[in-house]
Amino acid sequence: MTLLNNSIWTSWPCIFNYSIEKDVGEFDSLIHPKLYGAGQNRYYFNMKKLWTWIIFAFIHGNLLFFFSSYGYTASLNEQGLYQDHWFKTTLSFSCVISVVTLRIFVDTFYLNVFNM
C-alpha cells in the first residue's frame, strides 16, 4: 500500500500538468519557426540550468529537512503521547511533495488548453 500511496502522491501533479499541455500543430509550427529557436540555442537544457536546479534542490531539501527535524519538536497528541519519528517523516514528505508541486506549476509555461 505504501508504494501505491507514494506513486499516487508523487505522480498526480505531473499527470495533471502534462495532460493539459497542448502541442503546437503542424501548420502553426511551419508559420512560427521561432517556437523551436530556444531548443536549438540550448536555452532550456544547458549546464547553467542543470546546476541551478541542483542548487535549488539542495537548498529546498536542507530547508525542509531542518524545518521538519528541528522546527517541530516534542508535541503532545490527543492521547497525551509525544509525536514520534513517523509523524516528522510524514510532515517532511508532505512538505517535499508540496514544494515539488509548486515548482512544477511555477516553471510550467508551455502552451496548454487554459492559456491558448
C-alpha atoms as a PDB file:
ATOM      1  CA  MET A   1       0.000   0.000   0.000  1.00  0.00           C
ATOM      2  CA  THR A   2       2.872   2.359   0.761  1.00  0.00           C
ATOM      3  CA  LEU A   3       4.268   2.008  -2.748  1.00  0.00           C
ATOM      4  CA  LEU A   4       0.898   2.827  -4.261  1.00  0.00           C
ATOM      5  CA  ASN A   5       0.447   5.794  -1.925  1.00  0.00           C
ATOM      6  CA  ASN A   6       3.869   7.233  -2.799  1.00  0.00           C
ATOM      7  CA  SER A   7       3.275   6.690  -6.509  1.00  0.00           C
ATOM      8  CA  ILE A   8      -0.042   8.490  -6.428  1.00  0.00           C
ATOM      9  CA  TRP A   9       1.214  11.444  -4.407  1.00  0.00           C
ATOM     10  CA  THR A  10       4.338  11.967  -6.485  1.00  0.00           C
ATOM     11  CA  SER A  11       2.830  11.416  -9.920  1.00  0.00           C
ATOM     12  CA  TRP A  12      -0.510  13.257  -9.843  1.00  0.00           C
ATOM     13  CA  PRO A  13       0.993  16.750 -10.347  1.00  0.00           C
ATOM     14  CA  CYS A  14       2.903  15.554 -13.409  1.00  0.00           C
ATOM     15  CA  ILE A  15      -0.086  13.697 -14.817  1.00  0.00           C
ATOM     16  CA  PHE A  16      -2.369  16.697 -14.319  1.00  0.00           C
ATOM     17  CA  ASN A  17       0.151  19.173 -15.692  1.00  0.00           C
ATOM     18  CA  TYR A  18       1.103  17.164 -18.769  1.00  0.00           C
ATOM     19  CA  SER A  19      -2.453  16.105 -19.558  1.00  0.00           C
ATOM     20  CA  ILE A  20      -3.490  19.738 -20.162  1.00  0.00           C
ATOM     21  CA  GLU A  21      -0.419  20.523 -22.240  1.00  0.00           C
ATOM     22  CA  LYS A  22      -1.230  21.259 -25.857  1.00  0.00           C
ATOM     23  CA  ASP A  23       1.134  20.589 -28.713  1.00  0.00           C
ATOM     24  CA  VAL A  24       1.627  23.124 -31.473  1.00  0.00           C
ATOM     25  CA  GLY A  25       0.074  21.929 -34.714  1.00  0.00           C
ATOM     26  CA  GLU A  26       1.997  21.236 -37.889  1.00  0.00           C
ATOM     27  CA  PHE A  27       0.639  24.311 -39.654  1.00  0.00           C
ATOM     28  CA  ASP A  28       1.482  26.651 -36.752  1.00  0.00           C
ATOM     29  CA  SER A  29       4.988  25.246 -36.408  1.00  0.00           C
ATOM     30  CA  LEU A  30       5.703  25.990 -40.069  1.00  0.00           C
ATOM     31  CA  ILE A  31       4.364  29.538 -39.750  1.00  0.00           C
ATOM     32  CA  HIS A  32       6.218  30.269 -36.478  1.00  0.00           C
ATOM     33  CA  PRO A  33       9.673  28.633 -36.621  1.00  0.00           C
ATOM     34  CA  LYS A  34      10.766  30.798 -33.656  1.00  0.00           C
ATOM     35  CA  LEU A  35       8.957  28.325 -31.393  1.00  0.00           C
ATOM     36  CA  TYR A  36      11.888  25.934 -31.813  1.00  0.00           C
ATOM     37  CA  GLY A  37      14.667  28.517 -31.531  1.00  0.00           C
ATOM     38  CA  ALA A  38      15.053  28.129 -27.768  1.00  0.00           C
ATOM     39  CA  GLY A  39      15.750  24.409 -28.101  1.00  0.00           C
ATOM     40  CA  GLN A  40      18.279  24.941 -30.871  1.00  0.00           C
ATOM     41  CA  ASN A  41      20.052  27.617 -28.824  1.00  0.00           C
ATOM     42  CA  ARG A  42      20.167  25.325 -25.770  1.00  0.00           C
ATOM     43  CA  TYR A  43      18.142  27.730 -23.669  1.00  0.00           C
ATOM     44  CA  TYR A  44      16.301  25.081 -21.619  1.00  0.00           C
ATOM     45  CA  PHE A  45      18.927  22.335 -21.449  1.00  0.00           C
ATOM     46  CA  ASN A  46      22.404  23.575 -20.593  1.00  0.00           C
ATOM     47  CA  MET A  47      24.916  23.271 -17.759  1.00  0.00           C
ATOM     48  CA  LYS A  48      23.849  26.530 -16.130  1.00  0.00           C
ATOM     49  CA  LYS A  49      20.227  25.367 -15.887  1.00  0.00           C
ATOM     50  CA  LEU A  50      21.330  21.958 -14.603  1.00  0.00           C
ATOM     51  CA  TRP A  51      23.413  23.441 -11.787  1.00  0.00           C
ATOM     52  CA  THR A  52      20.693  25.957 -10.957  1.00  0.00           C
ATOM     53  CA  TRP A  53      18.240  23.095 -10.457  1.00  0.00           C
ATOM     54  CA  ILE A  54      20.774  21.143  -8.384  1.00  0.00           C
ATOM     55  CA  ILE A  55      21.456  24.146  -6.133  1.00  0.00           C
ATOM     56  CA  PHE A  56      17.739  24.831  -5.681  1.00  0.00           C
ATOM     57  CA  ALA A  57      17.151  21.158  -4.838  1.00  0.00           C
ATOM     58  CA  PHE A  58      19.946  21.280  -2.250  1.00  0.00           C
ATOM     59  CA  ILE A  59      18.559  24.464  -0.670  1.00  0.00           C
ATOM     60  CA  HIS A  60      14.959  23.231  -0.651  1.00  0.00           C
ATOM     61  CA  GLY A  61      15.970  19.830   0.685  1.00  0.00           C
ATOM     62  CA  ASN A  62      18.008  21.297   3.531  1.00  0.00           C
ATOM     63  CA  LEU A  63      15.340  23.826   4.473  1.00  0.00           C
ATOM     64  CA  LEU A  64      12.644  21.172   4.568  1.00  0.00           C
ATOM     65  CA  PHE A  65      14.845  18.741   6.499  1.00  0.00           C
ATOM     66  CA  PHE A  66      15.760  21.266   9.179  1.00  0.00           C
ATOM     67  CA  PHE A  67      12.210  22.615   9.330  1.00  0.00           C
ATOM     68  CA  SER A  68      10.727  19.193   9.942  1.00  0.00           C
ATOM     69  CA  SER A  69      13.530  17.943  12.194  1.00  0.00           C
ATOM     70  CA  TYR A  70      14.082  20.922  14.454  1.00  0.00           C
ATOM     71  CA  GLY A  71      11.089  23.142  13.889  1.00  0.00           C
ATOM     72  CA  TYR A  72       8.618  20.626  15.212  1.00  0.00           C
ATOM     73  CA  THR A  73       9.824  19.180  18.481  1.00  0.00           C
ATOM     74  CA  ALA A  74       8.118  17.077  21.142  1.00  0.00           C
ATOM     75  CA  SER A  75       4.457  17.979  20.933  1.00  0.00           C
ATOM     76  CA  LEU A  76       1.678  16.006  22.536  1.00  0.00           C
ATOM     77  CA  ASN A  77      -1.180  14.462  20.618  1.00  0.00           C
ATOM     78  CA  GLU A  78      -4.787  13.957  21.776  1.00  0.00           C
ATOM     79  CA  GLN A  79      -3.898  10.865  23.834  1.00  0.00           C
ATOM     80  CA  GLY A  80      -1.120  12.663  25.726  1.00  0.00           C
ATOM     81  CA  LEU A  81       1.670  10.877  23.855  1.00  0.00           C
ATOM     82  CA  TYR A  82       4.624  12.544  22.185  1.00  0.00           C
ATOM     83  CA  GLN A  83       4.691  12.682  18.393  1.00  0.00           C
ATOM     84  CA  ASP A  84       7.219  10.183  17.108  1.00  0.00           C
ATOM     85  CA  HIS A  85       9.622   9.870  14.185  1.00  0.00           C
ATOM     86  CA  TRP A  86       6.826   8.693  11.863  1.00  0.00           C
ATOM     87  CA  PHE A  87       4.992  11.986  12.309  1.00  0.00           C
ATOM     88  CA  LYS A  88       8.121  14.022  11.465  1.00  0.00           C
ATOM     89  CA  THR A  89       8.854  11.984   8.358  1.00  0.00           C
ATOM     90  CA  THR A  90       5.245  12.330   7.212  1.00  0.00           C
ATOM     91  CA  LEU A  91       5.478  16.086   7.723  1.00  0.00           C
ATOM     92  CA  SER A  92       8.753  16.186   5.798  1.00  0.00           C
ATOM     93  CA  PHE A  93       7.343  14.082   2.934  1.00  0.00           C
ATOM     94  CA  SER A  94       4.253  16.288   2.687  1.00  0.00           C
ATOM     95  CA  CYS A  95       6.404  19.421   2.555  1.00  0.00           C
ATOM     96  CA  VAL A  96       8.612  17.934  -0.179  1.00  0.00           C
ATOM     97  CA  ILE A  97       5.581  16.989  -2.276  1.00  0.00           C
ATOM     98  CA  SER A  98       4.147  20.493  -1.837  1.00  0.00           C
ATOM     99  CA  VAL A  99       7.400  22.209  -2.860  1.00  0.00           C
ATOM    100  CA  VAL A 100       7.879  19.955  -5.889  1.00  0.00           C
ATOM    101  CA  THR A 101       4.282  20.511  -6.998  1.00  0.00           C
ATOM    102  CA  LEU A 102       4.666  24.271  -6.674  1.00  0.00           C
ATOM    103  CA  ARG A 103       7.913  24.170  -8.650  1.00  0.00           C
ATOM    104  CA  ILE A 104       6.227  22.224 -11.428  1.00  0.00           C
ATOM    105  CA  PHE A 105       3.347  24.676 -11.669  1.00  0.00           C
ATOM    106  CA  VAL A 106       5.552  27.773 -11.419  1.00  0.00           C
ATOM    107  CA  ASP A 107       8.000  26.555 -14.049  1.00  0.00           C
ATOM    108  CA  THR A 108       5.307  25.426 -16.481  1.00  0.00           C
ATOM    109  CA  PHE A 109       4.862  27.957 -19.219  1.00  0.00           C
ATOM    110  CA  TYR A 110       4.086  25.661 -22.118  1.00  0.00           C
ATOM    111  CA  LEU A 111       1.034  26.105 -24.273  1.00  0.00           C
ATOM    112  CA  ASN A 112      -1.978  24.354 -22.816  1.00  0.00           C
ATOM    113  CA  VAL A 113      -5.738  24.464 -23.105  1.00  0.00           C
ATOM    114  CA  PHE A 114      -6.062  27.086 -20.359  1.00  0.00           C
ATOM    115  CA  ASN A 115      -3.785  29.733 -21.862  1.00  0.00           C
ATOM    116  CA  MET A 116      -4.493  29.259 -25.574  1.00  0.00           C
END
